Structure formats: structure tokens, C-alpha cells
Amino acid sequence: RFSTWYEFFPRSTSEKEGVHGTFKDCE
């Protein structure tokens, strides 16, 4: 009944541009 969602793509989480993100980046 009560939730607040945030969506993002894990592959876009890298600190470096042009680099595929990882789950560690998501952390």
C-alpha cells in the first residue's frame, strides 16, 4: 500500500564516463 520507488540502470553507475557500471558501483 505504501512504497516510494527509485529506478536507475545499474550499467550507468560507473564513476568513469564510457565505462559499464557494476553492482559494486551501485553500492
PDB file of all heavy atoms in Angstrom:
ATOM      1  N   ARG A   1       0.817  -1.226   0.000  1.00  0.00           N
ATOM      2  CA  ARG A   1       0.000   0.000   0.000  1.00  0.00           C
ATOM      3  C   ARG A   1       0.843   1.264   0.000  1.00  0.00           C
ATOM      4  O   ARG A   1       0.425   2.299  -0.518  1.00  0.00           O
ATOM      5  CB  ARG A   1      -0.918   0.007   1.224  1.00  0.00           C
ATOM      6  CG  ARG A   1      -1.948   1.124   1.243  1.00  0.00           C
ATOM      7  CD  ARG A   1      -2.641   1.211   2.594  1.00  0.00           C
ATOM      8  NE  ARG A   1      -1.713   1.658   3.638  1.00  0.00           N
ATOM      9  CZ  ARG A   1      -1.936   1.531   4.944  1.00  0.00           C
ATOM     10  NH1 ARG A   1      -3.036   0.927   5.362  1.00  0.00           N
ATOM     11  NH2 ARG A   1      -1.061   1.969   5.824  1.00  0.00           N
ATOM     12  N   PHE A   2       2.047   1.194   0.572  1.00  0.00           N
ATOM     13  CA  PHE A   2       2.863   2.398   0.731  1.00  0.00           C
ATOM     14  C   PHE A   2       4.298   2.097   0.339  1.00  0.00           C
ATOM     15  O   PHE A   2       4.990   1.328   1.015  1.00  0.00           O
ATOM     16  CB  PHE A   2       2.795   2.891   2.179  1.00  0.00           C
ATOM     17  CG  PHE A   2       3.711   4.048   2.464  1.00  0.00           C
ATOM     18  CD1 PHE A   2       3.599   5.232   1.751  1.00  0.00           C
ATOM     19  CD2 PHE A   2       4.691   3.951   3.443  1.00  0.00           C
ATOM     20  CE1 PHE A   2       4.445   6.301   2.007  1.00  0.00           C
ATOM     21  CE2 PHE A   2       5.538   5.022   3.719  1.00  0.00           C
ATOM     22  CZ  PHE A   2       5.412   6.197   2.990  1.00  0.00           C
ATOM     23  N   SER A   3       4.745   2.702  -0.765  1.00  0.00           N
ATOM     24  CA  SER A   3       6.109   2.481  -1.225  1.00  0.00           C
ATOM     25  C   SER A   3       6.558   3.676  -2.056  1.00  0.00           C
ATOM     26  O   SER A   3       5.754   4.373  -2.666  1.00  0.00           O
ATOM     27  CB  SER A   3       6.202   1.191  -2.059  1.00  0.00           C
ATOM     28  OG  SER A   3       5.333   1.251  -3.177  1.00  0.00           O
ATOM     29  N   THR A   4       7.869   3.891  -2.070  1.00  0.00           N
ATOM     30  CA  THR A   4       8.455   5.022  -2.786  1.00  0.00           C
ATOM     31  C   THR A   4       9.619   4.478  -3.615  1.00  0.00           C
ATOM     32  O   THR A   4      10.660   4.123  -3.072  1.00  0.00           O
ATOM     33  CB  THR A   4       8.936   6.094  -1.790  1.00  0.00           C
ATOM     34  OG1 THR A   4       7.898   6.343  -0.825  1.00  0.00           O
ATOM     35  CG2 THR A   4       9.258   7.394  -2.507  1.00  0.00           C
ATOM     36  N   TRP A   5       9.416   4.424  -4.940  1.00  0.00           N
ATOM     37  CA  TRP A   5      10.325   3.735  -5.840  1.00  0.00           C
ATOM     38  C   TRP A   5      11.292   4.706  -6.504  1.00  0.00           C
ATOM     39  O   TRP A   5      10.937   5.832  -6.850  1.00  0.00           O
ATOM     40  CB  TRP A   5       9.551   3.025  -6.946  1.00  0.00           C
ATOM     41  CG  TRP A   5       8.671   1.896  -6.514  1.00  0.00           C
ATOM     42  CD1 TRP A   5       7.690   1.916  -5.560  1.00  0.00           C
ATOM     43  CD2 TRP A   5       8.652   0.575  -7.060  1.00  0.00           C
ATOM     44  NE1 TRP A   5       7.070   0.694  -5.473  1.00  0.00           N
ATOM     45  CE2 TRP A   5       7.637  -0.144  -6.390  1.00  0.00           C
ATOM     46  CE3 TRP A   5       9.379  -0.059  -8.057  1.00  0.00           C
ATOM     47  CZ2 TRP A   5       7.341  -1.479  -6.688  1.00  0.00           C
ATOM     48  CZ3 TRP A   5       9.090  -1.383  -8.358  1.00  0.00           C
ATOM     49  CH2 TRP A   5       8.087  -2.082  -7.676  1.00  0.00           C
ATOM     50  N   TYR A   6      12.515   4.209  -6.711  1.00  0.00           N
ATOM     51  CA  TYR A   6      13.514   4.934  -7.495  1.00  0.00           C
ATOM     52  C   TYR A   6      14.108   3.955  -8.488  1.00  0.00           C
ATOM     53  O   TYR A   6      14.560   2.870  -8.119  1.00  0.00           O
ATOM     54  CB  TYR A   6      14.605   5.509  -6.593  1.00  0.00           C
ATOM     55  CG  TYR A   6      15.556   6.452  -7.290  1.00  0.00           C
ATOM     56  CD1 TYR A   6      15.239   7.796  -7.457  1.00  0.00           C
ATOM     57  CD2 TYR A   6      16.776   6.000  -7.792  1.00  0.00           C
ATOM     58  CE1 TYR A   6      16.110   8.670  -8.102  1.00  0.00           C
ATOM     59  CE2 TYR A   6      17.660   6.865  -8.432  1.00  0.00           C
ATOM     60  CZ  TYR A   6      17.312   8.199  -8.584  1.00  0.00           C
ATOM     61  OH  TYR A   6      18.169   9.068  -9.228  1.00  0.00           O
ATOM     62  N   GLU A   7      14.092   4.324  -9.763  1.00  0.00           N
ATOM     63  CA  GLU A   7      14.598   3.446 -10.810  1.00  0.00           C
ATOM     64  C   GLU A   7      15.879   4.011 -11.410  1.00  0.00           C
ATOM     65  O   GLU A   7      15.941   5.200 -11.736  1.00  0.00           O
ATOM     66  CB  GLU A   7      13.554   3.294 -11.924  1.00  0.00           C
ATOM     67  CG  GLU A   7      14.049   2.493 -13.125  1.00  0.00           C
ATOM     68  CD  GLU A   7      13.023   2.399 -14.240  1.00  0.00           C
ATOM     69  OE1 GLU A   7      11.958   3.044 -14.131  1.00  0.00           O
ATOM     70  OE2 GLU A   7      13.291   1.681 -15.221  1.00  0.00           O
ATOM     71  N   PHE A   8      16.896   3.158 -11.532  1.00  0.00           N
ATOM     72  CA  PHE A   8      18.039   3.536 -12.356  1.00  0.00           C
ATOM     73  C   PHE A   8      18.646   2.296 -13.009  1.00  0.00           C
ATOM     74  O   PHE A   8      18.396   1.164 -12.584  1.00  0.00           O
ATOM     75  CB  PHE A   8      19.083   4.358 -11.588  1.00  0.00           C
ATOM     76  CG  PHE A   8      19.872   3.636 -10.523  1.00  0.00           C
ATOM     77  CD1 PHE A   8      20.769   2.617 -10.828  1.00  0.00           C
ATOM     78  CD2 PHE A   8      19.771   4.029  -9.187  1.00  0.00           C
ATOM     79  CE1 PHE A   8      21.539   1.988  -9.846  1.00  0.00           C
ATOM     80  CE2 PHE A   8      20.532   3.411  -8.197  1.00  0.00           C
ATOM     81  CZ  PHE A   8      21.411   2.387  -8.529  1.00  0.00           C
ATOM     82  N   PHE A   9      19.443   2.527 -14.043  1.00  0.00           N
ATOM     83  CA  PHE A   9      20.106   1.442 -14.772  1.00  0.00           C
ATOM     84  C   PHE A   9      21.452   1.160 -14.123  1.00  0.00           C
ATOM     85  O   PHE A   9      22.328   2.029 -14.098  1.00  0.00           O
ATOM     86  CB  PHE A   9      20.321   1.841 -16.231  1.00  0.00           C
ATOM     87  CG  PHE A   9      19.091   1.807 -17.082  1.00  0.00           C
ATOM     88  CD1 PHE A   9      18.116   2.786 -16.952  1.00  0.00           C
ATOM     89  CD2 PHE A   9      18.912   0.802 -18.024  1.00  0.00           C
ATOM     90  CE1 PHE A   9      16.985   2.771 -17.756  1.00  0.00           C
ATOM     91  CE2 PHE A   9      17.782   0.768 -18.829  1.00  0.00           C
ATOM     92  CZ  PHE A   9      16.807   1.759 -18.692  1.00  0.00           C
ATOM     93  N   PRO A  10      21.671  -0.041 -13.601  1.00  0.00           N
ATOM     94  CA  PRO A  10      22.965  -0.358 -12.977  1.00  0.00           C
ATOM     95  C   PRO A  10      24.157  -0.137 -13.903  1.00  0.00           C
ATOM     96  O   PRO A  10      25.240   0.232 -13.450  1.00  0.00           O
ATOM     97  CB  PRO A  10      22.815  -1.838 -12.601  1.00  0.00           C
ATOM     98  CG  PRO A  10      21.346  -2.043 -12.436  1.00  0.00           C
ATOM     99  CD  PRO A  10      20.715  -1.156 -13.463  1.00  0.00           C
ATOM    100  N   ARG A  11      23.955  -0.321 -15.191  1.00  0.00           N
ATOM    101  CA  ARG A  11      25.090  -0.190 -16.106  1.00  0.00           C
ATOM    102  C   ARG A  11      25.532   1.267 -16.283  1.00  0.00           C
ATOM    103  O   ARG A  11      26.592   1.528 -16.864  1.00  0.00           O
ATOM    104  CB  ARG A  11      24.751  -0.809 -17.460  1.00  0.00           C
ATOM    105  CG  ARG A  11      23.691  -0.084 -18.257  1.00  0.00           C
ATOM    106  CD  ARG A  11      23.303  -0.900 -19.471  1.00  0.00           C
ATOM    107  NE  ARG A  11      22.368  -0.212 -20.364  1.00  0.00           N
ATOM    108  CZ  ARG A  11      21.775  -0.774 -21.403  1.00  0.00           C
ATOM    109  NH1 ARG A  11      22.015  -2.052 -21.675  1.00  0.00           N
ATOM    110  NH2 ARG A  11      20.943  -0.092 -22.171  1.00  0.00           N
ATOM    111  N   SER A  12      24.735   2.216 -15.773  1.00  0.00           N
ATOM    112  CA  SER A  12      25.088   3.638 -15.892  1.00  0.00           C
ATOM    113  C   SER A  12      25.621   4.225 -14.590  1.00  0.00           C
ATOM    114  O   SER A  12      25.571   5.432 -14.377  1.00  0.00           O
ATOM    115  CB  SER A  12      23.865   4.438 -16.353  1.00  0.00           C
ATOM    116  OG  SER A  12      23.478   4.098 -17.653  1.00  0.00           O
ATOM    117  N   THR A  13      26.144   3.392 -13.715  1.00  0.00           N
ATOM    118  CA  THR A  13      26.539   3.865 -12.387  1.00  0.00           C
ATOM    119  C   THR A  13      28.042   4.057 -12.216  1.00  0.00           C
ATOM    120  O   THR A  13      28.497   4.463 -11.141  1.00  0.00           O
ATOM    121  CB  THR A  13      26.050   2.880 -11.307  1.00  0.00           C
ATOM    122  OG1 THR A  13      26.563   1.569 -11.601  1.00  0.00           O
ATOM    123  CG2 THR A  13      24.534   2.838 -11.259  1.00  0.00           C
ATOM    124  N   SER A  14      28.812   3.788 -13.255  1.00  0.00           N
ATOM    125  CA  SER A  14      30.262   3.920 -13.117  1.00  0.00           C
ATOM    126  C   SER A  14      30.670   5.373 -12.897  1.00  0.00           C
ATOM    127  O   SER A  14      30.054   6.301 -13.416  1.00  0.00           O
ATOM    128  CB  SER A  14      30.957   3.389 -14.371  1.00  0.00           C
ATOM    129  OG  SER A  14      32.354   3.625 -14.317  1.00  0.00           O
ATOM    130  N   GLU A  15      31.732   5.558 -12.124  1.00  0.00           N
ATOM    131  CA  GLU A  15      32.266   6.910 -11.915  1.00  0.00           C
ATOM    132  C   GLU A  15      32.993   7.417 -13.155  1.00  0.00           C
ATOM    133  O   GLU A  15      33.174   8.628 -13.314  1.00  0.00           O
ATOM    134  CB  GLU A  15      33.225   6.912 -10.718  1.00  0.00           C
ATOM    135  CG  GLU A  15      32.549   6.654  -9.383  1.00  0.00           C
ATOM    136  CD  GLU A  15      33.515   6.755  -8.222  1.00  0.00           C
ATOM    137  OE1 GLU A  15      33.698   7.873  -7.713  1.00  0.00           O
ATOM    138  OE2 GLU A  15      34.095   5.712  -7.852  1.00  0.00           O
ATOM    139  N   LYS A  16      33.396   6.506 -14.034  1.00  0.00           N
ATOM    140  CA  LYS A  16      34.149   6.894 -15.221  1.00  0.00           C
ATOM    141  C   LYS A  16      33.241   6.877 -16.449  1.00  0.00           C
ATOM    142  O   LYS A  16      32.552   5.894 -16.709  1.00  0.00           O
ATOM    143  CB  LYS A  16      35.327   5.940 -15.430  1.00  0.00           C
ATOM    144  CG  LYS A  16      36.357   5.977 -14.305  1.00  0.00           C
ATOM    145  CD  LYS A  16      37.503   5.015 -14.576  1.00  0.00           C
ATOM    146  CE  LYS A  16      38.533   5.049 -13.452  1.00  0.00           C
ATOM    147  NZ  LYS A  16      39.648   4.101 -13.710  1.00  0.00           N
ATOM    148  N   GLU A  17      33.264   7.954 -17.199  1.00  0.00           N
ATOM    149  CA  GLU A  17      32.442   8.048 -18.396  1.00  0.00           C
ATOM    150  C   GLU A  17      32.883   7.011 -19.417  1.00  0.00           C
ATOM    151  O   GLU A  17      34.076   6.774 -19.628  1.00  0.00           O
ATOM    152  CB  GLU A  17      32.544   9.451 -18.987  1.00  0.00           C
ATOM    153  CG  GLU A  17      31.551   9.703 -20.111  1.00  0.00           C
ATOM    154  CD  GLU A  17      31.450  11.157 -20.477  1.00  0.00           C
ATOM    155  OE1 GLU A  17      32.157  11.984 -19.850  1.00  0.00           O
ATOM    156  OE2 GLU A  17      30.653  11.477 -21.385  1.00  0.00           O
ATOM    157  N   GLY A  18      31.884   6.368 -20.049  1.00  0.00           N
ATOM    158  CA  GLY A  18      32.173   5.373 -21.074  1.00  0.00           C
ATOM    159  C   GLY A  18      32.459   3.993 -20.543  1.00  0.00           C
ATOM    160  O   GLY A  18      32.731   3.077 -21.321  1.00  0.00           O
ATOM    161  N   VAL A  19      32.409   3.830 -19.221  1.00  0.00           N
ATOM    162  CA  VAL A  19      32.694   2.534 -18.598  1.00  0.00           C
ATOM    163  C   VAL A  19      31.380   1.925 -18.089  1.00  0.00           C
ATOM    164  O   VAL A  19      30.557   2.616 -17.480  1.00  0.00           O
ATOM    165  CB  VAL A  19      33.691   2.688 -17.429  1.00  0.00           C
ATOM    166  CG1 VAL A  19      33.900   1.343 -16.723  1.00  0.00           C
ATOM    167  CG2 VAL A  19      35.014   3.240 -17.943  1.00  0.00           C
ATOM    168  N   HIS A  20      31.184   0.649 -18.358  1.00  0.00           N
ATOM    169  CA  HIS A  20      29.994  -0.080 -17.923  1.00  0.00           C
ATOM    170  C   HIS A  20      29.973  -0.190 -16.397  1.00  0.00           C
ATOM    171  O   HIS A  20      30.962  -0.600 -15.778  1.00  0.00           O
ATOM    172  CB  HIS A  20      29.986  -1.479 -18.550  1.00  0.00           C
ATOM    173  CG  HIS A  20      28.675  -2.179 -18.513  1.00  0.00           C
ATOM    174  ND1 HIS A  20      28.126  -2.680 -17.358  1.00  0.00           N
ATOM    175  CD2 HIS A  20      27.790  -2.467 -19.511  1.00  0.00           C
ATOM    176  CE1 HIS A  20      26.967  -3.264 -17.635  1.00  0.00           C
ATOM    177  NE2 HIS A  20      26.737  -3.150 -18.940  1.00  0.00           N
ATOM    178  N   GLY A  21      28.850   0.174 -15.786  1.00  0.00           N
ATOM    179  CA  GLY A  21      28.720   0.096 -14.336  1.00  0.00           C
ATOM    180  C   GLY A  21      28.574  -1.326 -13.837  1.00  0.00           C
ATOM    181  O   GLY A  21      28.278  -2.255 -14.597  1.00  0.00           O
ATOM    182  N   THR A  22      28.797  -1.500 -12.541  1.00  0.00           N
ATOM    183  CA  THR A  22      28.714  -2.807 -11.895  1.00  0.00           C
ATOM    184  C   THR A  22      27.853  -2.709 -10.644  1.00  0.00           C
ATOM    185  O   THR A  22      27.480  -1.624 -10.200  1.00  0.00           O
ATOM    186  CB  THR A  22      30.112  -3.306 -11.495  1.00  0.00           C
ATOM    187  OG1 THR A  22      30.611  -2.456 -10.437  1.00  0.00           O
ATOM    188  CG2 THR A  22      31.074  -3.274 -12.675  1.00  0.00           C
ATOM    189  N   PHE A  23      27.549  -3.867 -10.056  1.00  0.00           N
ATOM    190  CA  PHE A  23      26.816  -3.872  -8.795  1.00  0.00           C
ATOM    191  C   PHE A  23      27.609  -3.181  -7.688  1.00  0.00           C
ATOM    192  O   PHE A  23      27.027  -2.564  -6.780  1.00  0.00           O
ATOM    193  CB  PHE A  23      26.472  -5.302  -8.391  1.00  0.00           C
ATOM    194  CG  PHE A  23      25.445  -5.961  -9.277  1.00  0.00           C
ATOM    195  CD1 PHE A  23      25.595  -7.281  -9.677  1.00  0.00           C
ATOM    196  CD2 PHE A  23      24.342  -5.261  -9.718  1.00  0.00           C
ATOM    197  CE1 PHE A  23      24.656  -7.896 -10.490  1.00  0.00           C
ATOM    198  CE2 PHE A  23      23.388  -5.860 -10.531  1.00  0.00           C
ATOM    199  CZ  PHE A  23      23.557  -7.181 -10.921  1.00  0.00           C
ATOM    200  N   LYS A  24      28.918  -3.266  -7.754  1.00  0.00           N
ATOM    201  CA  LYS A  24      29.736  -2.565  -6.760  1.00  0.00           C
ATOM    202  C   LYS A  24      29.591  -1.057  -6.914  1.00  0.00           C
ATOM    203  O   LYS A  24      29.598  -0.315  -5.924  1.00  0.00           O
ATOM    204  CB  LYS A  24      31.196  -2.998  -6.885  1.00  0.00           C
ATOM    205  CG  LYS A  24      31.415  -4.456  -6.462  1.00  0.00           C
ATOM    206  CD  LYS A  24      32.879  -4.859  -6.543  1.00  0.00           C
ATOM    207  CE  LYS A  24      33.059  -6.317  -6.103  1.00  0.00           C
ATOM    208  NZ  LYS A  24      34.475  -6.752  -6.187  1.00  0.00           N
ATOM    209  N   ASP A  25      29.446  -0.589  -8.150  1.00  0.00           N
ATOM    210  CA  ASP A  25      29.164   0.836  -8.362  1.00  0.00           C
ATOM    211  C   ASP A  25      27.803   1.205  -7.776  1.00  0.00           C
ATOM    212  O   ASP A  25      27.634   2.301  -7.216  1.00  0.00           O
ATOM    213  CB  ASP A  25      29.181   1.169  -9.855  1.00  0.00           C
ATOM    214  CG  ASP A  25      30.577   1.081 -10.458  1.00  0.00           C
ATOM    215  OD1 ASP A  25      31.526   1.562  -9.816  1.00  0.00           O
ATOM    216  OD2 ASP A  25      30.712   0.534 -11.572  1.00  0.00           O
ATOM    217  N   CYS A  26      26.842   0.305  -7.910  1.00  0.00           N
ATOM    218  CA  CYS A  26      25.508   0.563  -7.356  1.00  0.00           C
ATOM    219  C   CYS A  26      25.562   0.718  -5.837  1.00  0.00           C
ATOM    220  O   CYS A  26      24.825   1.537  -5.260  1.00  0.00           O
ATOM    221  CB  CYS A  26      24.555  -0.573  -7.720  1.00  0.00           C
ATOM    222  SG  CYS A  26      24.193  -0.720  -9.483  1.00  0.00           S
ATOM    223  N   GLU A  27      26.418  -0.063  -5.202  1.00  0.00           N
ATOM    224  CA  GLU A  27      26.542   0.032  -3.740  1.00  0.00           C
ATOM    225  C   GLU A  27      26.907   1.446  -3.303  1.00  0.00           C
ATOM    226  O   GLU A  27      26.441   1.940  -2.273  1.00  0.00           O
ATOM    227  CB  GLU A  27      27.590  -0.960  -3.238  1.00  0.00           C
ATOM    228  CG  GLU A  27      27.158  -2.416  -3.310  1.00  0.00           C
ATOM    229  CD  GLU A  27      28.217  -3.346  -2.733  1.00  0.00           C
ATOM    230  OE1 GLU A  27      29.042  -2.864  -1.910  1.00  0.00           O
ATOM    231  OE2 GLU A  27      28.225  -4.539  -3.097  1.00  0.00           O
TER     232      GLU A  27
END
